[in-house]
Amino acid sequence: MKKDVDGGGRRKRSGKISAIPEKSADTESNPTENADKKEELSFKGHRQRTKEAIRAEGITNRYEHAVLEFILFYCIPYKDTKPIAYELINKFGNLYGVFNAPPELIENVKGITRDAATFLSALSGICERYADESGKRETIAGIDGVLRYMKRVVVPNVEACYIISVSVTDEVISVEKLLEGSNNSLDIPMSLLVKTILNANAKRVIILHNHPSGKVVPSREDVANTYVLSSMLDTMGVELIDHLVVYEYFVYSISGKRVYKHRWSDS
């Protein structure tokens, strides 16, 4: 009997040659690779949800392993850190035990990198420093206090404007640097000043304007803008304490309308 095949081993049907395509090794799915990708997507989604929850609710009421898992997000970016966190708690007992363990012992835990071990072992010192400074925001009383504090912030030879937010007890809450310039008058939009102050949730502010040109007397624009800004902020429940214009040897208080001698470089 004649076989209904051609010379190439392909079956003939209705006068047409049909072939069964061979599977390419490049197109075949790799079960292990697919599983790894799914696992990666899964823990990335878990990380994002955890971060959003902590941002909204804080971390105080979370279990120790959950706190440690969150910390490890930033030390071990490409692994599921939950099992590592459990292993650390099981080995060292609690967060205190983990943070006070020598980095060599921490590094022995499966999944822990050298950088992660170094970071975890440094946390006890960070916590101690935080505890020492807790409730001790720096206070800036008067012009001398403002200048002593701002010396560490201001670049002497660059004209710039800074907004210092303070509490009702003159504790520094934040310092925001606005635009820099090279002339004796900075062109700072009023809207930017107001937006920066409101974004800082400030109720009391001091504006400091560095004049490296040597002219401590403010420009007309500075004075006019100060009074306009003060009136605008007052309607929003924000007090503008002062606008200080500083140079190496002097500081001018716009609210006090006078010059004070002060060696800025030695403050």
C-alpha atoms as a PDB file:
ATOM      1  CA  MET A   1       0.000   0.000   0.000  1.00  0.00           C
ATOM      2  CA  LYS A   2       1.294   3.406  -0.898  1.00  0.00           C
ATOM      3  CA  LYS A   3       1.759   5.660   2.098  1.00  0.00           C
ATOM      4  CA  ASP A   4       0.158   9.047   1.864  1.00  0.00           C
ATOM      5  CA  VAL A   5       3.294  10.931   2.727  1.00  0.00           C
ATOM      6  CA  ASP A   6       5.815  12.880   0.728  1.00  0.00           C
ATOM      7  CA  GLY A   7       9.513  12.389   0.699  1.00  0.00           C
ATOM      8  CA  GLY A   8      10.002  14.784   3.592  1.00  0.00           C
ATOM      9  CA  GLY A   9       7.822  12.800   5.977  1.00  0.00           C
ATOM     10  CA  ARG A  10       4.952  15.281   5.857  1.00  0.00           C
ATOM     11  CA  ARG A  11       1.355  14.064   5.554  1.00  0.00           C
ATOM     12  CA  LYS A  12      -0.516  14.941   2.343  1.00  0.00           C
ATOM     13  CA  ARG A  13      -4.061  16.225   2.712  1.00  0.00           C
ATOM     14  CA  SER A  14      -6.283  17.301  -0.199  1.00  0.00           C
ATOM     15  CA  GLY A  15      -3.263  17.812  -2.359  1.00  0.00           C
ATOM     16  CA  LYS A  16      -1.769  20.275   0.120  1.00  0.00           C
ATOM     17  CA  ILE A  17       1.288  19.766   2.234  1.00  0.00           C
ATOM     18  CA  SER A  18       0.851  20.510   5.916  1.00  0.00           C
ATOM     19  CA  ALA A  19       3.646  20.546   8.420  1.00  0.00           C
ATOM     20  CA  ILE A  20       3.588  20.520  12.207  1.00  0.00           C
ATOM     21  CA  PRO A  21       5.797  23.419  13.288  1.00  0.00           C
ATOM     22  CA  GLU A  22       8.533  22.607  15.701  1.00  0.00           C
ATOM     23  CA  LYS A  23       8.603  24.478  19.027  1.00  0.00           C
ATOM     24  CA  SER A  24      11.396  26.961  19.290  1.00  0.00           C
ATOM     25  CA  ALA A  25      13.496  26.824  22.405  1.00  0.00           C
ATOM     26  CA  ASP A  26      13.290  30.617  22.522  1.00  0.00           C
ATOM     27  CA  THR A  27       9.490  30.658  22.614  1.00  0.00           C
ATOM     28  CA  GLU A  28       8.989  27.885  25.154  1.00  0.00           C
ATOM     29  CA  SER A  29       7.974  29.182  28.547  1.00  0.00           C
ATOM     30  CA  ASN A  30      10.271  28.572  31.473  1.00  0.00           C
ATOM     31  CA  PRO A  31       8.164  27.569  34.492  1.00  0.00           C
ATOM     32  CA  THR A  32      10.899  28.514  36.952  1.00  0.00           C
ATOM     33  CA  GLU A  33      11.438  31.927  35.356  1.00  0.00           C
ATOM     34  CA  ASN A  34       7.693  32.645  35.310  1.00  0.00           C
ATOM     35  CA  ALA A  35       7.371  31.661  38.939  1.00  0.00           C
ATOM     36  CA  ASP A  36      10.261  33.974  39.870  1.00  0.00           C
ATOM     37  CA  LYS A  37       8.633  36.868  38.014  1.00  0.00           C
ATOM     38  CA  LYS A  38       5.295  36.295  39.756  1.00  0.00           C
ATOM     39  CA  GLU A  39       7.021  36.144  43.131  1.00  0.00           C
ATOM     40  CA  GLU A  40       8.898  39.369  42.377  1.00  0.00           C
ATOM     41  CA  LEU A  41       5.702  41.178  41.384  1.00  0.00           C
ATOM     42  CA  SER A  42       3.974  39.824  44.473  1.00  0.00           C
ATOM     43  CA  PHE A  43       6.509  41.092  46.998  1.00  0.00           C
ATOM     44  CA  LYS A  44       6.868  44.413  45.174  1.00  0.00           C
ATOM     45  CA  GLY A  45       3.118  44.919  45.503  1.00  0.00           C
ATOM     46  CA  HIS A  46       3.283  43.922  49.160  1.00  0.00           C
ATOM     47  CA  ARG A  47       6.087  46.404  49.761  1.00  0.00           C
ATOM     48  CA  GLN A  48       4.159  49.251  48.205  1.00  0.00           C
ATOM     49  CA  ARG A  49       1.024  48.474  50.210  1.00  0.00           C
ATOM     50  CA  THR A  50       3.076  48.267  53.409  1.00  0.00           C
ATOM     51  CA  LYS A  51       4.770  51.605  52.724  1.00  0.00           C
ATOM     52  CA  GLU A  52       1.455  53.324  52.036  1.00  0.00           C
ATOM     53  CA  ALA A  53      -0.081  51.866  55.208  1.00  0.00           C
ATOM     54  CA  ILE A  54       2.841  53.004  57.373  1.00  0.00           C
ATOM     55  CA  ARG A  55       2.772  56.439  55.779  1.00  0.00           C
ATOM     56  CA  ALA A  56      -0.913  56.756  56.643  1.00  0.00           C
ATOM     57  CA  GLU A  57      -1.054  54.981  60.008  1.00  0.00           C
ATOM     58  CA  GLY A  58       2.480  55.056  61.413  1.00  0.00           C
ATOM     59  CA  ILE A  59       4.573  52.107  62.544  1.00  0.00           C
ATOM     60  CA  THR A  60       4.157  52.119  66.333  1.00  0.00           C
ATOM     61  CA  ASN A  61       1.412  49.473  66.523  1.00  0.00           C
ATOM     62  CA  ARG A  62       2.967  46.980  64.125  1.00  0.00           C
ATOM     63  CA  TYR A  63       4.481  43.678  65.210  1.00  0.00           C
ATOM     64  CA  GLU A  64       8.250  43.509  65.644  1.00  0.00           C
ATOM     65  CA  HIS A  65       8.793  41.324  62.609  1.00  0.00           C
ATOM     66  CA  ALA A  66       6.698  43.734  60.501  1.00  0.00           C
ATOM     67  CA  VAL A  67       8.797  46.692  61.675  1.00  0.00           C
ATOM     68  CA  LEU A  68      11.977  44.804  60.842  1.00  0.00           C
ATOM     69  CA  GLU A  69      10.611  43.709  57.476  1.00  0.00           C
ATOM     70  CA  PHE A  70       9.895  47.361  56.625  1.00  0.00           C
ATOM     71  CA  ILE A  71      13.408  48.458  57.651  1.00  0.00           C
ATOM     72  CA  LEU A  72      14.908  45.739  55.479  1.00  0.00           C
ATOM     73  CA  PHE A  73      13.030  47.054  52.412  1.00  0.00           C
ATOM     74  CA  TYR A  74      15.693  49.750  52.148  1.00  0.00           C
ATOM     75  CA  CYS A  75      18.674  47.459  52.770  1.00  0.00           C
ATOM     76  CA  ILE A  76      17.671  44.484  50.628  1.00  0.00           C
ATOM     77  CA  PRO A  77      15.793  45.837  47.588  1.00  0.00           C
ATOM     78  CA  TYR A  78      15.286  42.670  45.509  1.00  0.00           C
ATOM     79  CA  LYS A  79      14.187  40.011  47.995  1.00  0.00           C
ATOM     80  CA  ASP A  80      11.172  39.159  50.083  1.00  0.00           C
ATOM     81  CA  THR A  81      12.310  40.401  53.492  1.00  0.00           C
ATOM     82  CA  LYS A  82       9.485  38.898  55.552  1.00  0.00           C
ATOM     83  CA  PRO A  83      11.162  35.489  56.135  1.00  0.00           C
ATOM     84  CA  ILE A  84      14.456  37.281  56.888  1.00  0.00           C
ATOM     85  CA  ALA A  85      12.707  39.441  59.491  1.00  0.00           C
ATOM     86  CA  TYR A  86      11.164  36.381  61.154  1.00  0.00           C
ATOM     87  CA  GLU A  87      14.554  34.655  61.231  1.00  0.00           C
ATOM     88  CA  LEU A  88      16.201  37.683  62.841  1.00  0.00           C
ATOM     89  CA  ILE A  89      13.521  37.932  65.547  1.00  0.00           C
ATOM     90  CA  ASN A  90      13.745  34.187  66.205  1.00  0.00           C
ATOM     91  CA  LYS A  91      17.522  34.374  66.522  1.00  0.00           C
ATOM     92  CA  PHE A  92      17.899  37.549  68.593  1.00  0.00           C
ATOM     93  CA  GLY A  93      14.579  37.662  70.444  1.00  0.00           C
ATOM     94  CA  ASN A  94      13.253  41.133  69.641  1.00  0.00           C
ATOM     95  CA  LEU A  95      14.141  44.421  67.989  1.00  0.00           C
ATOM     96  CA  TYR A  96      16.454  45.375  70.835  1.00  0.00           C
ATOM     97  CA  GLY A  97      18.345  42.119  70.404  1.00  0.00           C
ATOM     98  CA  VAL A  98      18.644  42.599  66.639  1.00  0.00           C
ATOM     99  CA  PHE A  99      19.821  46.211  66.843  1.00  0.00           C
ATOM    100  CA  ASN A 100      22.404  45.408  69.522  1.00  0.00           C
ATOM    101  CA  ALA A 101      23.785  42.273  67.880  1.00  0.00           C
ATOM    102  CA  PRO A 102      27.278  42.410  66.345  1.00  0.00           C
ATOM    103  CA  PRO A 103      27.149  42.809  62.553  1.00  0.00           C
ATOM    104  CA  GLU A 104      29.095  39.553  62.131  1.00  0.00           C
ATOM    105  CA  LEU A 105      26.298  37.593  63.835  1.00  0.00           C
ATOM    106  CA  ILE A 106      23.560  39.412  61.927  1.00  0.00           C
ATOM    107  CA  GLU A 107      25.302  38.621  58.659  1.00  0.00           C
ATOM    108  CA  ASN A 108      25.115  34.897  59.451  1.00  0.00           C
ATOM    109  CA  VAL A 109      21.343  34.992  59.011  1.00  0.00           C
ATOM    110  CA  LYS A 110      20.300  33.662  55.612  1.00  0.00           C
ATOM    111  CA  GLY A 111      19.436  36.435  53.171  1.00  0.00           C
ATOM    112  CA  ILE A 112      21.201  39.215  55.078  1.00  0.00           C
ATOM    113  CA  THR A 113      23.770  41.205  53.119  1.00  0.00           C
ATOM    114  CA  ARG A 114      26.847  42.877  54.573  1.00  0.00           C
ATOM    115  CA  ASP A 115      25.294  46.318  54.072  1.00  0.00           C
ATOM    116  CA  ALA A 116      22.076  45.236  55.799  1.00  0.00           C
ATOM    117  CA  ALA A 117      24.022  43.845  58.772  1.00  0.00           C
ATOM    118  CA  THR A 118      25.991  47.090  59.077  1.00  0.00           C
ATOM    119  CA  PHE A 119      22.825  49.188  58.952  1.00  0.00           C
ATOM    120  CA  LEU A 120      20.930  47.102  61.515  1.00  0.00           C
ATOM    121  CA  SER A 121      23.847  47.152  63.946  1.00  0.00           C
ATOM    122  CA  ALA A 122      23.999  50.967  63.669  1.00  0.00           C
ATOM    123  CA  LEU A 123      20.346  51.450  64.625  1.00  0.00           C
ATOM    124  CA  SER A 124      20.933  51.169  68.382  1.00  0.00           C
ATOM    125  CA  GLY A 125      23.285  54.161  68.233  1.00  0.00           C
ATOM    126  CA  ILE A 126      20.828  56.105  66.099  1.00  0.00           C
ATOM    127  CA  CYS A 127      18.028  55.368  68.586  1.00  0.00           C
ATOM    128  CA  GLU A 128      20.193  56.464  71.511  1.00  0.00           C
ATOM    129  CA  ARG A 129      20.990  59.732  69.814  1.00  0.00           C
ATOM    130  CA  TYR A 130      17.328  60.296  69.001  1.00  0.00           C
ATOM    131  CA  ALA A 131      16.407  59.663  72.643  1.00  0.00           C
ATOM    132  CA  ASP A 132      19.053  62.135  73.827  1.00  0.00           C
ATOM    133  CA  GLU A 133      17.736  64.826  71.495  1.00  0.00           C
ATOM    134  CA  SER A 134      14.045  64.048  71.967  1.00  0.00           C
ATOM    135  CA  GLY A 135      12.063  67.216  72.681  1.00  0.00           C
ATOM    136  CA  LYS A 136      15.176  69.356  72.256  1.00  0.00           C
ATOM    137  CA  ARG A 137      14.587  71.412  69.153  1.00  0.00           C
ATOM    138  CA  GLU A 138      16.990  74.295  68.968  1.00  0.00           C
ATOM    139  CA  THR A 139      15.682  77.654  70.128  1.00  0.00           C
ATOM    140  CA  ILE A 140      16.566  80.895  68.390  1.00  0.00           C
ATOM    141  CA  ALA A 141      15.825  83.836  70.661  1.00  0.00           C
ATOM    142  CA  GLY A 142      16.378  87.293  69.199  1.00  0.00           C
ATOM    143  CA  ILE A 143      18.534  88.363  66.282  1.00  0.00           C
ATOM    144  CA  ASP A 144      21.710  86.880  67.775  1.00  0.00           C
ATOM    145  CA  GLY A 145      20.014  83.502  68.093  1.00  0.00           C
ATOM    146  CA  VAL A 146      18.796  83.604  64.485  1.00  0.00           C
ATOM    147  CA  LEU A 147      22.248  84.467  63.152  1.00  0.00           C
ATOM    148  CA  ARG A 148      24.020  81.807  65.215  1.00  0.00           C
ATOM    149  CA  TYR A 149      21.615  79.186  63.901  1.00  0.00           C
ATOM    150  CA  MET A 150      21.669  80.350  60.287  1.00  0.00           C
ATOM    151  CA  LYS A 151      25.458  80.529  60.068  1.00  0.00           C
ATOM    152  CA  ARG A 152      25.489  76.780  59.400  1.00  0.00           C
ATOM    153  CA  VAL A 153      22.932  77.173  56.596  1.00  0.00           C
ATOM    154  CA  VAL A 154      23.802  80.343  54.700  1.00  0.00           C
ATOM    155  CA  VAL A 155      26.480  80.389  51.999  1.00  0.00           C
ATOM    156  CA  PRO A 156      28.194  83.764  52.742  1.00  0.00           C
ATOM    157  CA  ASN A 157      28.947  84.867  49.174  1.00  0.00           C
ATOM    158  CA  VAL A 158      25.644  83.863  47.617  1.00  0.00           C
ATOM    159  CA  GLU A 159      22.609  86.109  47.826  1.00  0.00           C
ATOM    160  CA  ALA A 160      19.604  84.060  48.877  1.00  0.00           C
ATOM    161  CA  CYS A 161      16.388  84.244  50.832  1.00  0.00           C
ATOM    162  CA  TYR A 162      15.478  81.838  53.648  1.00  0.00           C
ATOM    163  CA  ILE A 163      12.224  81.232  55.493  1.00  0.00           C
ATOM    164  CA  ILE A 164      12.641  80.093  59.105  1.00  0.00           C
ATOM    165  CA  SER A 165       9.543  78.547  60.685  1.00  0.00           C
ATOM    166  CA  VAL A 166       9.441  78.711  64.467  1.00  0.00           C
ATOM    167  CA  SER A 167       7.061  77.569  67.187  1.00  0.00           C
ATOM    168  CA  VAL A 168       5.365  79.804  69.735  1.00  0.00           C
ATOM    169  CA  THR A 169       8.360  79.147  72.009  1.00  0.00           C
ATOM    170  CA  ASP A 170      10.884  80.091  69.275  1.00  0.00           C
ATOM    171  CA  GLU A 171      11.922  76.500  68.529  1.00  0.00           C
ATOM    172  CA  VAL A 172      13.102  75.982  64.953  1.00  0.00           C
ATOM    173  CA  ILE A 173      10.660  73.818  63.007  1.00  0.00           C
ATOM    174  CA  SER A 174      12.194  74.116  59.535  1.00  0.00           C
ATOM    175  CA  VAL A 175      14.344  76.273  57.268  1.00  0.00           C
ATOM    176  CA  GLU A 176      13.431  76.636  53.602  1.00  0.00           C
ATOM    177  CA  LYS A 177      15.801  78.149  51.047  1.00  0.00           C
ATOM    178  CA  LEU A 178      14.185  80.053  48.228  1.00  0.00           C
ATOM    179  CA  LEU A 179      15.726  81.567  45.131  1.00  0.00           C
ATOM    180  CA  GLU A 180      19.343  82.611  44.791  1.00  0.00           C
ATOM    181  CA  GLY A 181      20.493  85.684  42.906  1.00  0.00           C
ATOM    182  CA  SER A 182      23.453  87.888  42.126  1.00  0.00           C
ATOM    183  CA  ASN A 183      21.915  91.342  42.468  1.00  0.00           C
ATOM    184  CA  ASN A 184      21.006  93.370  45.527  1.00  0.00           C
ATOM    185  CA  SER A 185      17.337  92.553  45.136  1.00  0.00           C
ATOM    186  CA  LEU A 186      15.942  89.063  44.641  1.00  0.00           C
ATOM    187  CA  ASP A 187      12.981  88.728  42.353  1.00  0.00           C
ATOM    188  CA  ILE A 188      10.969  86.296  44.476  1.00  0.00           C
ATOM    189  CA  PRO A 189       7.324  85.893  43.465  1.00  0.00           C
ATOM    190  CA  MET A 190       4.978  86.624  46.340  1.00  0.00           C
ATOM    191  CA  SER A 191       3.055  83.469  45.484  1.00  0.00           C
ATOM    192  CA  LEU A 192       6.207  81.391  46.035  1.00  0.00           C
ATOM    193  CA  LEU A 193       6.784  82.936  49.450  1.00  0.00           C
ATOM    194  CA  VAL A 194       3.219  82.292  50.541  1.00  0.00           C
ATOM    195  CA  LYS A 195       3.173  78.747  49.132  1.00  0.00           C
ATOM    196  CA  THR A 196       6.439  77.845  50.880  1.00  0.00           C
ATOM    197  CA  ILE A 197       5.211  79.178  54.222  1.00  0.00           C
ATOM    198  CA  LEU A 198       1.851  77.412  53.982  1.00  0.00           C
ATOM    199  CA  ASN A 199       3.464  74.127  52.896  1.00  0.00           C
ATOM    200  CA  ALA A 200       5.609  74.247  56.038  1.00  0.00           C
ATOM    201  CA  ASN A 201       2.426  74.552  58.168  1.00  0.00           C
ATOM    202  CA  ALA A 202       4.106  77.523  59.804  1.00  0.00           C
ATOM    203  CA  LYS A 203       2.354  79.865  62.219  1.00  0.00           C
ATOM    204  CA  ARG A 204       5.331  82.122  62.911  1.00  0.00           C
ATOM    205  CA  VAL A 205       8.125  82.863  60.399  1.00  0.00           C
ATOM    206  CA  ILE A 206      11.301  84.874  60.018  1.00  0.00           C
ATOM    207  CA  ILE A 207      12.654  85.822  56.616  1.00  0.00           C
ATOM    208  CA  LEU A 208      16.424  86.142  56.285  1.00  0.00           C
ATOM    209  CA  HIS A 209      17.897  87.764  53.188  1.00  0.00           C
ATOM    210  CA  ASN A 210      21.650  87.509  52.700  1.00  0.00           C
ATOM    211  CA  HIS A 211      23.241  90.545  50.985  1.00  0.00           C
ATOM    212  CA  PRO A 212      26.845  89.610  50.125  1.00  0.00           C
ATOM    213  CA  SER A 213      27.169  92.816  48.067  1.00  0.00           C
ATOM    214  CA  GLY A 214      27.912  94.761  51.256  1.00  0.00           C
ATOM    215  CA  LYS A 215      24.728  96.826  51.285  1.00  0.00           C
ATOM    216  CA  VAL A 216      22.869  95.983  54.459  1.00  0.00           C
ATOM    217  CA  VAL A 217      20.154  98.587  53.887  1.00  0.00           C
ATOM    218  CA  PRO A 218      17.308  96.752  52.126  1.00  0.00           C
ATOM    219  CA  SER A 219      16.118  97.758  48.715  1.00  0.00           C
ATOM    220  CA  ARG A 220      12.766  99.447  48.302  1.00  0.00           C
ATOM    221  CA  GLU A 221      11.484  96.208  46.812  1.00  0.00           C
ATOM    222  CA  ASP A 222      12.500  94.296  49.946  1.00  0.00           C
ATOM    223  CA  VAL A 223      10.698  96.709  52.237  1.00  0.00           C
ATOM    224  CA  ALA A 224       7.571  96.939  50.094  1.00  0.00           C
ATOM    225  CA  ASN A 225       7.348  93.179  49.662  1.00  0.00           C
ATOM    226  CA  THR A 226       7.794  92.649  53.388  1.00  0.00           C
ATOM    227  CA  TYR A 227       4.792  94.774  54.334  1.00  0.00           C
ATOM    228  CA  VAL A 228       2.625  93.270  51.594  1.00  0.00           C
ATOM    229  CA  LEU A 229       3.603  89.751  52.653  1.00  0.00           C
ATOM    230  CA  SER A 230       3.006  90.504  56.330  1.00  0.00           C
ATOM    231  CA  SER A 231      -0.526  91.691  55.592  1.00  0.00           C
ATOM    232  CA  MET A 232      -1.264  88.645  53.425  1.00  0.00           C
ATOM    233  CA  LEU A 233       0.036  86.195  56.018  1.00  0.00           C
ATOM    234  CA  ASP A 234      -1.885  87.905  58.794  1.00  0.00           C
ATOM    235  CA  THR A 235      -5.158  87.080  57.033  1.00  0.00           C
ATOM    236  CA  MET A 236      -4.026  83.428  56.990  1.00  0.00           C
ATOM    237  CA  GLY A 237      -3.190  83.291  60.673  1.00  0.00           C
ATOM    238  CA  VAL A 238       0.592  83.403  60.147  1.00  0.00           C
ATOM    239  CA  GLU A 239       2.800  85.911  61.965  1.00  0.00           C
ATOM    240  CA  LEU A 240       5.770  87.404  60.139  1.00  0.00           C
ATOM    241  CA  ILE A 241       8.134  88.087  63.044  1.00  0.00           C
ATOM    242  CA  ASP A 242      10.801  89.907  61.063  1.00  0.00           C
ATOM    243  CA  HIS A 243      12.635  90.205  57.787  1.00  0.00           C
ATOM    244  CA  LEU A 244      16.375  90.362  58.394  1.00  0.00           C
ATOM    245  CA  VAL A 245      18.878  91.586  55.833  1.00  0.00           C
ATOM    246  CA  VAL A 246      22.392  90.488  56.736  1.00  0.00           C
ATOM    247  CA  TYR A 247      25.912  91.313  55.709  1.00  0.00           C
ATOM    248  CA  GLU A 248      29.202  90.263  57.268  1.00  0.00           C
ATOM    249  CA  TYR A 249      29.272  93.065  59.841  1.00  0.00           C
ATOM    250  CA  PHE A 250      25.669  94.191  60.108  1.00  0.00           C
ATOM    251  CA  VAL A 251      22.067  93.055  60.139  1.00  0.00           C
ATOM    252  CA  TYR A 252      19.062  95.206  59.329  1.00  0.00           C
ATOM    253  CA  SER A 253      15.693  94.453  60.913  1.00  0.00           C
ATOM    254  CA  ILE A 254      12.884  95.601  58.641  1.00  0.00           C
ATOM    255  CA  SER A 255      10.303  95.263  61.408  1.00  0.00           C
ATOM    256  CA  GLY A 256      12.533  97.177  63.848  1.00  0.00           C
ATOM    257  CA  LYS A 257      13.670  99.630  61.163  1.00  0.00           C
ATOM    258  CA  ARG A 258      17.230  99.698  62.457  1.00  0.00           C
ATOM    259  CA  VAL A 259      20.727  98.353  61.868  1.00  0.00           C
ATOM    260  CA  TYR A 260      22.453  96.101  64.407  1.00  0.00           C
ATOM    261  CA  LYS A 261      26.195  95.608  64.398  1.00  0.00           C
ATOM    262  CA  HIS A 262      26.958  91.919  64.211  1.00  0.00           C
ATOM    263  CA  ARG A 263      29.970  90.119  62.770  1.00  0.00           C
ATOM    264  CA  TRP A 264      28.170  87.508  60.694  1.00  0.00           C
ATOM    265  CA  SER A 265      31.320  85.498  60.030  1.00  0.00           C
ATOM    266  CA  ASP A 266      32.034  85.123  63.766  1.00  0.00           C
ATOM    267  CA  SER A 267      28.453  84.540  64.951  1.00  0.00           C
END
